Amino acid sequence: MVSKRTAVWLVGLWLPFGGAWLPLGGAMAADAPPGASSCSGCHPASRSVDTPVARLVGRAPAEIVTAMQAFRTGQRSGTIMDRVAKGFTDDEIKAIADWYGAQKE
């Protein structure tokens, strides 16, 4: 299992070289709403990835929206999500949540 510190470091290397591509059944970032591709840097698309970071693929959109709101208000702590959540509007969060909820493996 990769530590959170190593995962963040790897994401820092990965994003500039292809982080805009989402490995979701051939879906590309162009198919996703603005901002969704940034999630794939930490949140795995595959169930086979062993990480403490939750998968978003197929998750109920309401769960994603609730979590993002909790990160934004400080009700839920996170290493980076509190800052990430503040960068999205309510409409953007809903669009991203709906898109991830509709994704299938």
C-alpha atoms as a PDB file:
ATOM      1  CA  MET A   1       0.000   0.000   0.000  1.00  0.00           C
ATOM      2  CA  VAL A   2       1.226   3.469  -0.863  1.00  0.00           C
ATOM      3  CA  SER A   3       1.386   6.060   1.908  1.00  0.00           C
ATOM      4  CA  LYS A   4      -0.631   9.258   1.545  1.00  0.00           C
ATOM      5  CA  ARG A   5       2.613  11.219   1.331  1.00  0.00           C
ATOM      6  CA  THR A   6       3.881   9.049  -1.524  1.00  0.00           C
ATOM      7  CA  ALA A   7       0.513   9.190  -3.269  1.00  0.00           C
ATOM      8  CA  VAL A   8       0.506  12.994  -3.176  1.00  0.00           C
ATOM      9  CA  TRP A   9       4.052  13.040  -4.535  1.00  0.00           C
ATOM     10  CA  LEU A  10       3.131  10.637  -7.339  1.00  0.00           C
ATOM     11  CA  VAL A  11       0.076  12.691  -8.228  1.00  0.00           C
ATOM     12  CA  GLY A  12       2.324  15.739  -8.459  1.00  0.00           C
ATOM     13  CA  LEU A  13       4.373  13.884 -11.058  1.00  0.00           C
ATOM     14  CA  TRP A  14       1.381  12.392 -12.876  1.00  0.00           C
ATOM     15  CA  LEU A  15      -0.876  15.427 -13.305  1.00  0.00           C
ATOM     16  CA  PRO A  16       1.440  17.462 -15.576  1.00  0.00           C
ATOM     17  CA  PHE A  17       1.892  14.457 -17.880  1.00  0.00           C
ATOM     18  CA  GLY A  18      -1.639  13.243 -18.291  1.00  0.00           C
ATOM     19  CA  GLY A  19      -3.766  14.023 -15.278  1.00  0.00           C
ATOM     20  CA  ALA A  20      -6.440  15.394 -17.570  1.00  0.00           C
ATOM     21  CA  TRP A  21      -7.274  11.888 -18.807  1.00  0.00           C
ATOM     22  CA  LEU A  22      -9.758   9.913 -16.773  1.00  0.00           C
ATOM     23  CA  PRO A  23      -9.291   6.140 -16.853  1.00  0.00           C
ATOM     24  CA  LEU A  24     -13.017   5.397 -16.830  1.00  0.00           C
ATOM     25  CA  GLY A  25     -13.958   3.017 -19.591  1.00  0.00           C
ATOM     26  CA  GLY A  26     -12.304   5.201 -22.197  1.00  0.00           C
ATOM     27  CA  ALA A  27     -13.926   8.416 -20.999  1.00  0.00           C
ATOM     28  CA  MET A  28     -11.759  11.466 -21.485  1.00  0.00           C
ATOM     29  CA  ALA A  29     -11.748  14.677 -19.505  1.00  0.00           C
ATOM     30  CA  ALA A  30     -13.581  16.309 -22.409  1.00  0.00           C
ATOM     31  CA  ASP A  31     -16.569  14.082 -21.581  1.00  0.00           C
ATOM     32  CA  ALA A  32     -16.575  15.223 -17.960  1.00  0.00           C
ATOM     33  CA  PRO A  33     -17.812  18.479 -16.482  1.00  0.00           C
ATOM     34  CA  PRO A  34     -15.172  21.117 -15.673  1.00  0.00           C
ATOM     35  CA  GLY A  35     -13.151  20.131 -12.617  1.00  0.00           C
ATOM     36  CA  ALA A  36     -13.918  16.417 -12.665  1.00  0.00           C
ATOM     37  CA  SER A  37     -10.547  15.458 -14.090  1.00  0.00           C
ATOM     38  CA  SER A  38      -8.807  16.923 -11.051  1.00  0.00           C
ATOM     39  CA  CYS A  39     -10.516  14.336  -8.839  1.00  0.00           C
ATOM     40  CA  SER A  40      -8.867  11.427 -10.629  1.00  0.00           C
ATOM     41  CA  GLY A  41      -5.458  12.534  -9.388  1.00  0.00           C
ATOM     42  CA  CYS A  42      -6.262  11.102  -5.943  1.00  0.00           C
ATOM     43  CA  HIS A  43      -9.559   9.219  -6.223  1.00  0.00           C
ATOM     44  CA  PRO A  44      -9.021   5.877  -7.989  1.00  0.00           C
ATOM     45  CA  ALA A  45     -11.263   4.776 -10.832  1.00  0.00           C
ATOM     46  CA  SER A  46     -10.527   1.090 -10.293  1.00  0.00           C
ATOM     47  CA  ARG A  47     -11.506  -1.048  -7.327  1.00  0.00           C
ATOM     48  CA  SER A  48      -8.159  -2.815  -7.605  1.00  0.00           C
ATOM     49  CA  VAL A  49      -6.247   0.242  -6.343  1.00  0.00           C
ATOM     50  CA  ASP A  50      -5.420  -0.074  -2.649  1.00  0.00           C
ATOM     51  CA  THR A  51      -5.767   3.422  -1.214  1.00  0.00           C
ATOM     52  CA  PRO A  52      -7.460   5.118   1.723  1.00  0.00           C
ATOM     53  CA  VAL A  53      -8.930   7.671  -0.715  1.00  0.00           C
ATOM     54  CA  ALA A  54     -12.559   6.863  -1.548  1.00  0.00           C
ATOM     55  CA  ARG A  55     -13.624   5.943  -5.076  1.00  0.00           C
ATOM     56  CA  LEU A  56     -16.085   8.323  -6.704  1.00  0.00           C
ATOM     57  CA  VAL A  57     -17.124   6.142  -9.644  1.00  0.00           C
ATOM     58  CA  GLY A  58     -20.702   4.969  -9.141  1.00  0.00           C
ATOM     59  CA  ARG A  59     -21.074   6.714  -5.785  1.00  0.00           C
ATOM     60  CA  ALA A  60     -24.419   8.336  -5.042  1.00  0.00           C
ATOM     61  CA  PRO A  61     -24.222  11.977  -6.168  1.00  0.00           C
ATOM     62  CA  ALA A  62     -25.857  13.149  -2.923  1.00  0.00           C
ATOM     63  CA  GLU A  63     -22.994  11.553  -0.937  1.00  0.00           C
ATOM     64  CA  ILE A  64     -20.400  13.419  -2.986  1.00  0.00           C
ATOM     65  CA  VAL A  65     -22.267  16.729  -2.647  1.00  0.00           C
ATOM     66  CA  THR A  66     -22.656  16.262   1.114  1.00  0.00           C
ATOM     67  CA  ALA A  67     -18.966  15.424   1.539  1.00  0.00           C
ATOM     68  CA  MET A  68     -17.866  18.413  -0.547  1.00  0.00           C
ATOM     69  CA  GLN A  69     -20.092  20.759   1.450  1.00  0.00           C
ATOM     70  CA  ALA A  70     -18.718  19.354   4.712  1.00  0.00           C
ATOM     71  CA  PHE A  71     -15.123  19.834   3.504  1.00  0.00           C
ATOM     72  CA  ARG A  72     -15.903  23.387   2.370  1.00  0.00           C
ATOM     73  CA  THR A  73     -17.441  24.416   5.710  1.00  0.00           C
ATOM     74  CA  GLY A  74     -14.822  22.675   7.848  1.00  0.00           C
ATOM     75  CA  GLN A  75     -17.273  20.138   9.279  1.00  0.00           C
ATOM     76  CA  ARG A  76     -15.139  17.395   7.759  1.00  0.00           C
ATOM     77  CA  SER A  77     -11.359  17.509   7.945  1.00  0.00           C
ATOM     78  CA  GLY A  78      -9.070  16.515   5.134  1.00  0.00           C
ATOM     79  CA  THR A  79      -5.500  16.883   4.027  1.00  0.00           C
ATOM     80  CA  ILE A  80      -6.375  18.819   0.882  1.00  0.00           C
ATOM     81  CA  MET A  81     -10.112  18.459   0.264  1.00  0.00           C
ATOM     82  CA  ASP A  82     -11.055  21.455   2.391  1.00  0.00           C
ATOM     83  CA  ARG A  83      -9.106  23.671  -0.016  1.00  0.00           C
ATOM     84  CA  VAL A  84     -10.242  21.813  -3.133  1.00  0.00           C
ATOM     85  CA  ALA A  85     -13.922  22.048  -2.162  1.00  0.00           C
ATOM     86  CA  LYS A  86     -13.684  25.820  -1.731  1.00  0.00           C
ATOM     87  CA  GLY A  87     -12.663  26.122  -5.379  1.00  0.00           C
ATOM     88  CA  PHE A  88     -15.967  24.818  -6.755  1.00  0.00           C
ATOM     89  CA  THR A  89     -19.403  26.406  -6.895  1.00  0.00           C
ATOM     90  CA  ASP A  90     -22.470  24.469  -5.775  1.00  0.00           C
ATOM     91  CA  ASP A  91     -23.457  23.947  -9.420  1.00  0.00           C
ATOM     92  CA  GLU A  92     -19.989  22.629 -10.323  1.00  0.00           C
ATOM     93  CA  ILE A  93     -20.025  20.222  -7.379  1.00  0.00           C
ATOM     94  CA  LYS A  94     -23.459  18.929  -8.382  1.00  0.00           C
ATOM     95  CA  ALA A  95     -22.366  18.451 -12.012  1.00  0.00           C
ATOM     96  CA  ILE A  96     -19.222  16.580 -10.966  1.00  0.00           C
ATOM     97  CA  ALA A  97     -21.177  14.442  -8.469  1.00  0.00           C
ATOM     98  CA  ASP A  98     -23.833  13.594 -11.058  1.00  0.00           C
ATOM     99  CA  TRP A  99     -21.165  12.684 -13.613  1.00  0.00           C
ATOM    100  CA  TYR A 100     -19.233  10.423 -11.234  1.00  0.00           C
ATOM    101  CA  GLY A 101     -22.480   8.838 -10.063  1.00  0.00           C
ATOM    102  CA  ALA A 102     -23.362   7.937 -13.638  1.00  0.00           C
ATOM    103  CA  GLN A 103     -19.963   6.337 -14.369  1.00  0.00           C
ATOM    104  CA  LYS A 104     -19.808   2.551 -14.518  1.00  0.00           C
ATOM    105  CA  GLU A 105     -16.778   0.311 -14.628  1.00  0.00           C
END
